[in-house]
Amino acid sequence: MLWAALLRSGTGAVLSHQTAAELYGLTDKAGAAIHVTVPTARRIRGATDLVIHRSSRIAVACHPVLLPTRTRIEETVIDLTQTARDSDEAFHWLSRACGSRLTTASHLQVALGQRKQAQFRSELVSGLTAIANGVHSPLEYRYVRGVERPHKLPRAKRQVLVTLGQARRYLDNLYEEFGVAVELDGHAAHLVHDRWRDVHRDNAMTGAGIITLRYNWADVTRRACEVAVEVGAVLRRRGWAGTLRLCGPRCPVQRWHP
């Protein structure tokens, strides 16, 4: 079917977007339609089962070896960010591609730089910088962008490997100098044994001198300022000498006194 779609679309056509993503294993969801990118001037009629995209960059976007012919992984990822509903979904594609080790943040930065026009450009540039610094998920990026950075909290280390006895675990955010960890959970609910596993881990971290604060998606997206106040207060008690910054006129940080 993929080959038939390419033949139907004519010389120079390549599989792209969600279809190319499926071929790379970037998504396990099989789309109902096949996405094909063709030269800008080409018009295809009657292909109701195809989603046609047009580009003047097919020559540089096409992978030189893989068959069926498709866009390079970096081009595929940037294409997906351009059809995303919002910047969070766009960041999802960046983090998924890098987290799956299909590409790197630096390669995606190069691909993005080759686009004259790009939706969410500033968010994508910022997101790729965050990924290069260890941010792995949209929630982690929301924490950096909405909590840590605008309120001038110190910069945490991301995805830090910690060994406790024979157990090894990664901490989402570790303010190493102050012995404070911030863990982020994007799931709406946890099974009881999962919650207790987290409690046991937090207890072990406390025994090692690291205080753990936990936040979910609603905390980071709806209570970002309050979370910054809470994290800042704990950091101050552990020796941080900095001062929180207001992110806006209604930021509750103004009511926080170190």
Protein backbone atom coordinates (compact mmCIF):
# COMPACT_ATOMS: atom_id res chain seq x y z
CA MET A 1 0.00 0.00 0.00
CA LEU A 2 2.85 2.40 0.78
CA TRP A 3 4.55 1.67 -2.51
CA ALA A 4 1.24 2.08 -4.32
CA ALA A 5 0.78 5.47 -2.65
CA LEU A 6 4.22 6.59 -3.84
CA LEU A 7 3.60 5.39 -7.39
CA ARG A 8 0.20 7.07 -7.39
CA SER A 9 1.84 10.34 -6.30
CA GLY A 10 4.47 10.39 -9.06
CA THR A 11 8.22 10.80 -9.37
CA GLY A 12 9.93 12.40 -6.41
CA ALA A 13 7.15 11.69 -3.91
CA VAL A 14 8.16 10.59 -0.42
CA LEU A 15 6.30 9.20 2.58
CA SER A 16 6.22 11.78 5.37
CA HIS A 17 4.63 13.00 8.59
CA GLN A 18 2.70 10.28 10.52
CA THR A 19 3.43 7.61 7.89
CA ALA A 20 7.17 8.18 8.00
CA ALA A 21 6.94 8.28 11.79
CA GLU A 22 5.34 4.82 11.77
CA LEU A 23 8.17 3.47 9.61
CA TYR A 24 10.78 4.85 11.99
CA GLY A 25 8.97 3.45 15.04
CA LEU A 26 8.40 6.97 16.33
CA THR A 27 4.73 6.10 16.83
CA ASP A 28 2.95 2.77 17.14
CA LYS A 29 -0.38 4.17 15.98
CA ALA A 30 -1.20 3.18 12.43
CA GLY A 31 -2.91 6.08 10.69
CA ALA A 32 -6.02 5.59 8.60
CA ALA A 33 -4.51 7.62 5.75
CA ILE A 34 -1.08 7.59 4.13
CA HIS A 35 0.87 10.85 4.24
CA VAL A 36 2.86 11.70 1.12
CA THR A 37 4.89 14.81 0.31
CA VAL A 38 5.16 15.82 -3.35
CA PRO A 39 6.84 18.69 -5.24
CA THR A 40 5.14 22.04 -4.72
CA ALA A 41 3.69 22.40 -8.22
CA ARG A 42 2.17 18.91 -8.40
CA ARG A 43 -1.58 18.40 -8.11
CA ILE A 44 -3.06 14.97 -7.42
CA ARG A 45 -6.76 14.37 -7.92
CA GLY A 46 -8.98 11.56 -6.71
CA ALA A 47 -6.57 10.17 -4.09
CA THR A 48 -9.02 10.23 -1.20
CA ASP A 49 -7.00 7.79 0.90
CA LEU A 50 -3.88 9.96 0.79
CA VAL A 51 -2.96 13.09 2.73
CA ILE A 52 -0.91 15.18 0.33
CA HIS A 53 1.71 17.66 1.53
CA ARG A 54 3.75 19.88 -0.78
CA SER A 55 7.34 20.95 -0.38
CA SER A 56 10.16 22.53 -2.38
CA ARG A 57 12.70 20.77 -0.15
CA ILE A 58 12.09 17.13 -1.07
CA ALA A 59 15.61 16.66 -2.45
CA VAL A 60 17.23 17.53 0.90
CA ALA A 61 14.44 16.11 3.07
CA CYS A 62 14.40 12.64 1.50
CA HIS A 63 16.38 9.86 3.14
CA PRO A 64 19.03 8.77 0.61
CA VAL A 65 18.84 5.01 1.27
CA LEU A 66 15.77 3.76 3.11
CA LEU A 67 12.85 2.24 1.23
CA PRO A 68 9.99 2.85 0.77
CA THR A 69 11.20 6.40 0.10
CA ARG A 70 10.59 8.63 3.10
CA THR A 71 11.72 11.85 4.73
CA ARG A 72 14.75 11.76 7.02
CA ILE A 73 13.96 11.26 10.70
CA GLU A 74 14.83 14.87 11.55
CA GLU A 75 12.64 16.20 8.75
CA THR A 76 9.84 13.87 9.84
CA VAL A 77 9.98 15.15 13.41
CA ILE A 78 9.98 18.81 12.37
CA ASP A 79 7.07 18.10 10.00
CA LEU A 80 5.11 16.62 12.89
CA THR A 81 5.76 19.68 15.05
CA GLN A 82 4.30 21.82 12.28
CA THR A 83 1.01 19.92 12.29
CA ALA A 84 0.81 19.82 16.10
CA ARG A 85 -2.18 21.39 17.83
CA ASP A 86 -0.02 23.33 20.28
CA SER A 87 3.53 23.73 21.53
CA ASP A 88 3.10 20.94 24.10
CA GLU A 89 2.29 18.43 21.36
CA ALA A 90 5.17 19.79 19.29
CA PHE A 91 7.56 19.25 22.21
CA HIS A 92 6.18 15.71 22.60
CA TRP A 93 7.54 14.82 19.15
CA LEU A 94 10.95 16.32 19.93
CA SER A 95 11.29 14.51 23.24
CA ARG A 96 9.94 11.22 21.85
CA ALA A 97 12.42 11.22 18.97
CA CYS A 98 15.40 12.04 21.18
CA GLY A 99 14.24 9.76 24.00
CA SER A 100 13.99 6.88 21.52
CA ARG A 101 17.53 7.67 20.35
CA LEU A 102 16.35 8.02 16.77
CA THR A 103 18.09 11.39 16.55
CA THR A 104 19.61 14.09 18.74
CA ALA A 105 18.67 17.59 19.80
CA SER A 106 21.59 19.03 17.81
CA HIS A 107 20.49 17.27 14.61
CA LEU A 108 16.94 18.55 15.10
CA GLN A 109 18.27 22.07 15.67
CA VAL A 110 20.03 21.89 12.30
CA ALA A 111 16.85 20.64 10.58
CA LEU A 112 14.78 23.39 12.21
CA GLY A 113 17.30 26.01 11.15
CA GLN A 114 16.82 25.01 7.52
CA ARG A 115 13.13 25.93 7.62
CA LYS A 116 12.50 29.51 6.57
CA GLN A 117 9.13 29.50 8.27
CA ALA A 118 8.29 27.35 11.26
CA GLN A 119 5.36 27.39 13.65
CA PHE A 120 6.37 27.44 17.34
CA ARG A 121 9.97 28.28 16.37
CA SER A 122 10.91 29.95 19.66
CA GLU A 123 9.26 27.16 21.68
CA LEU A 124 11.03 24.50 19.59
CA VAL A 125 14.41 26.17 20.00
CA SER A 126 13.86 26.45 23.74
CA GLY A 127 12.59 22.87 23.92
CA LEU A 128 15.59 21.47 22.06
CA THR A 129 17.92 23.35 24.40
CA ALA A 130 16.07 21.82 27.36
CA ILE A 131 16.31 18.33 25.84
CA ALA A 132 20.04 18.79 25.30
CA ASN A 133 20.26 19.63 29.03
CA GLY A 134 18.47 16.42 30.05
CA VAL A 135 14.74 17.22 29.95
CA HIS A 136 12.90 14.08 28.81
CA SER A 137 9.16 14.79 28.85
CA PRO A 138 6.63 17.55 28.20
CA LEU A 139 5.91 17.72 31.94
CA GLU A 140 9.59 18.19 32.75
CA TYR A 141 9.75 20.93 30.13
CA ARG A 142 6.68 22.59 31.64
CA TYR A 143 8.46 22.57 35.00
CA VAL A 144 11.54 24.24 33.53
CA ARG A 145 9.56 26.73 31.45
CA GLY A 146 6.77 27.51 33.91
CA VAL A 147 8.26 27.01 37.36
CA GLU A 148 12.04 27.07 37.49
CA ARG A 149 13.10 29.55 34.82
CA PRO A 150 10.53 32.39 35.14
CA HIS A 151 10.81 32.44 38.95
CA LYS A 152 14.62 32.44 38.88
CA LEU A 153 15.06 29.24 40.85
CA PRO A 154 18.53 27.73 40.62
CA ARG A 155 19.00 25.38 37.69
CA ALA A 156 18.56 21.75 38.63
CA LYS A 157 20.41 18.81 37.13
CA ARG A 158 18.11 16.61 35.04
CA GLN A 159 17.78 12.83 35.06
CA VAL A 160 20.48 12.31 37.68
CA LEU A 161 21.44 8.72 38.41
CA VAL A 162 21.44 8.01 42.14
CA THR A 163 22.54 4.71 43.71
CA LEU A 164 21.06 3.70 47.06
CA GLY A 165 22.51 0.39 48.17
CA GLN A 166 21.85 -1.96 45.27
CA ALA A 167 19.03 0.17 43.86
CA ARG A 168 19.60 2.65 41.05
CA ARG A 169 17.14 5.37 40.07
CA TYR A 170 16.99 8.54 38.06
CA LEU A 171 15.79 11.81 39.60
CA ASP A 172 13.86 14.18 37.31
CA ASN A 173 15.34 17.31 38.88
CA LEU A 174 18.07 17.43 41.50
CA TYR A 175 19.26 20.61 43.20
CA GLU A 176 22.38 18.77 44.20
CA GLU A 177 24.04 21.56 46.19
CA PHE A 178 21.01 21.78 48.46
CA GLY A 179 19.96 18.14 48.64
CA VAL A 180 16.50 18.74 47.13
CA ALA A 181 14.86 16.62 44.41
CA VAL A 182 11.72 17.50 42.46
CA GLU A 183 9.94 14.49 40.95
CA LEU A 184 7.23 14.91 38.33
CA ASP A 185 4.40 12.52 37.59
CA GLY A 186 2.25 12.92 34.52
CA HIS A 187 -0.23 10.17 35.40
CA ALA A 188 -3.61 11.18 36.77
CA ALA A 189 -3.73 8.24 39.15
CA HIS A 190 -1.45 5.54 40.48
CA LEU A 191 -2.09 2.02 41.67
CA VAL A 192 -1.68 1.63 45.40
CA HIS A 193 1.52 -0.41 45.10
CA ASP A 194 3.00 2.24 42.76
CA ARG A 195 2.26 4.99 45.27
CA TRP A 196 3.85 3.00 48.07
CA ARG A 197 6.88 2.27 45.90
CA ASP A 198 7.33 6.04 45.47
CA VAL A 199 6.92 6.54 49.22
CA HIS A 200 9.60 3.93 49.93
CA ARG A 201 11.93 5.58 47.43
CA ASP A 202 11.34 8.99 48.99
CA ASN A 203 12.06 7.54 52.42
CA ALA A 204 15.33 6.10 51.13
CA MET A 205 16.26 9.43 49.57
CA THR A 206 15.53 11.23 52.85
CA GLY A 207 17.82 8.79 54.62
CA ALA A 208 20.51 9.78 52.12
CA GLY A 209 19.95 13.45 52.92
CA ILE A 210 17.84 14.38 49.88
CA ILE A 211 14.38 15.89 50.38
CA THR A 212 11.92 14.90 47.64
CA LEU A 213 9.05 17.12 46.47
CA ARG A 214 6.47 15.55 44.11
CA TYR A 215 4.20 17.33 41.66
CA ASN A 216 1.74 16.23 39.00
CA TRP A 217 0.61 17.75 35.70
CA ALA A 218 -2.08 19.92 37.33
CA ASP A 219 0.43 21.29 39.85
CA VAL A 220 2.94 22.31 37.19
CA THR A 221 0.45 23.66 34.66
CA ARG A 222 -2.15 25.29 36.94
CA ARG A 223 -0.18 26.07 40.10
CA ALA A 224 3.24 26.90 38.65
CA CYS A 225 3.76 29.97 40.84
CA GLU A 226 2.69 28.16 44.01
CA VAL A 227 5.01 25.28 43.17
CA ALA A 228 7.87 27.75 42.70
CA VAL A 229 7.12 29.22 46.13
CA GLU A 230 7.15 25.78 47.74
CA VAL A 231 10.37 24.70 46.02
CA GLY A 232 12.00 28.05 46.79
CA ALA A 233 11.08 27.83 50.47
CA VAL A 234 12.64 24.37 50.81
CA LEU A 235 15.75 25.46 48.93
CA ARG A 236 16.10 28.49 51.22
CA ARG A 237 15.96 26.23 54.28
CA ARG A 238 18.71 24.11 52.72
CA GLY A 239 21.04 27.06 52.14
CA TRP A 240 19.99 28.71 48.87
CA ALA A 241 20.70 32.45 49.09
CA GLY A 242 18.79 33.48 45.98
CA THR A 243 15.49 35.34 45.67
CA LEU A 244 12.41 34.29 43.76
CA ARG A 245 11.33 36.53 40.89
CA LEU A 246 7.78 37.47 40.01
CA CYS A 247 6.70 35.99 36.68
CA GLY A 248 3.83 38.47 36.31
CA PRO A 249 1.69 41.04 38.14
CA ARG A 250 -0.49 38.38 39.81
CA CYS A 251 2.34 36.06 40.77
CA PRO A 252 1.94 35.01 44.43
CA VAL A 253 5.71 35.13 44.84
CA GLN A 254 5.22 38.73 45.94
CA ARG A 255 3.67 37.34 49.14
CA TRP A 256 6.66 35.13 49.83
CA HIS A 257 9.24 36.47 52.27
CA PRO A 258 12.51 34.52 52.62
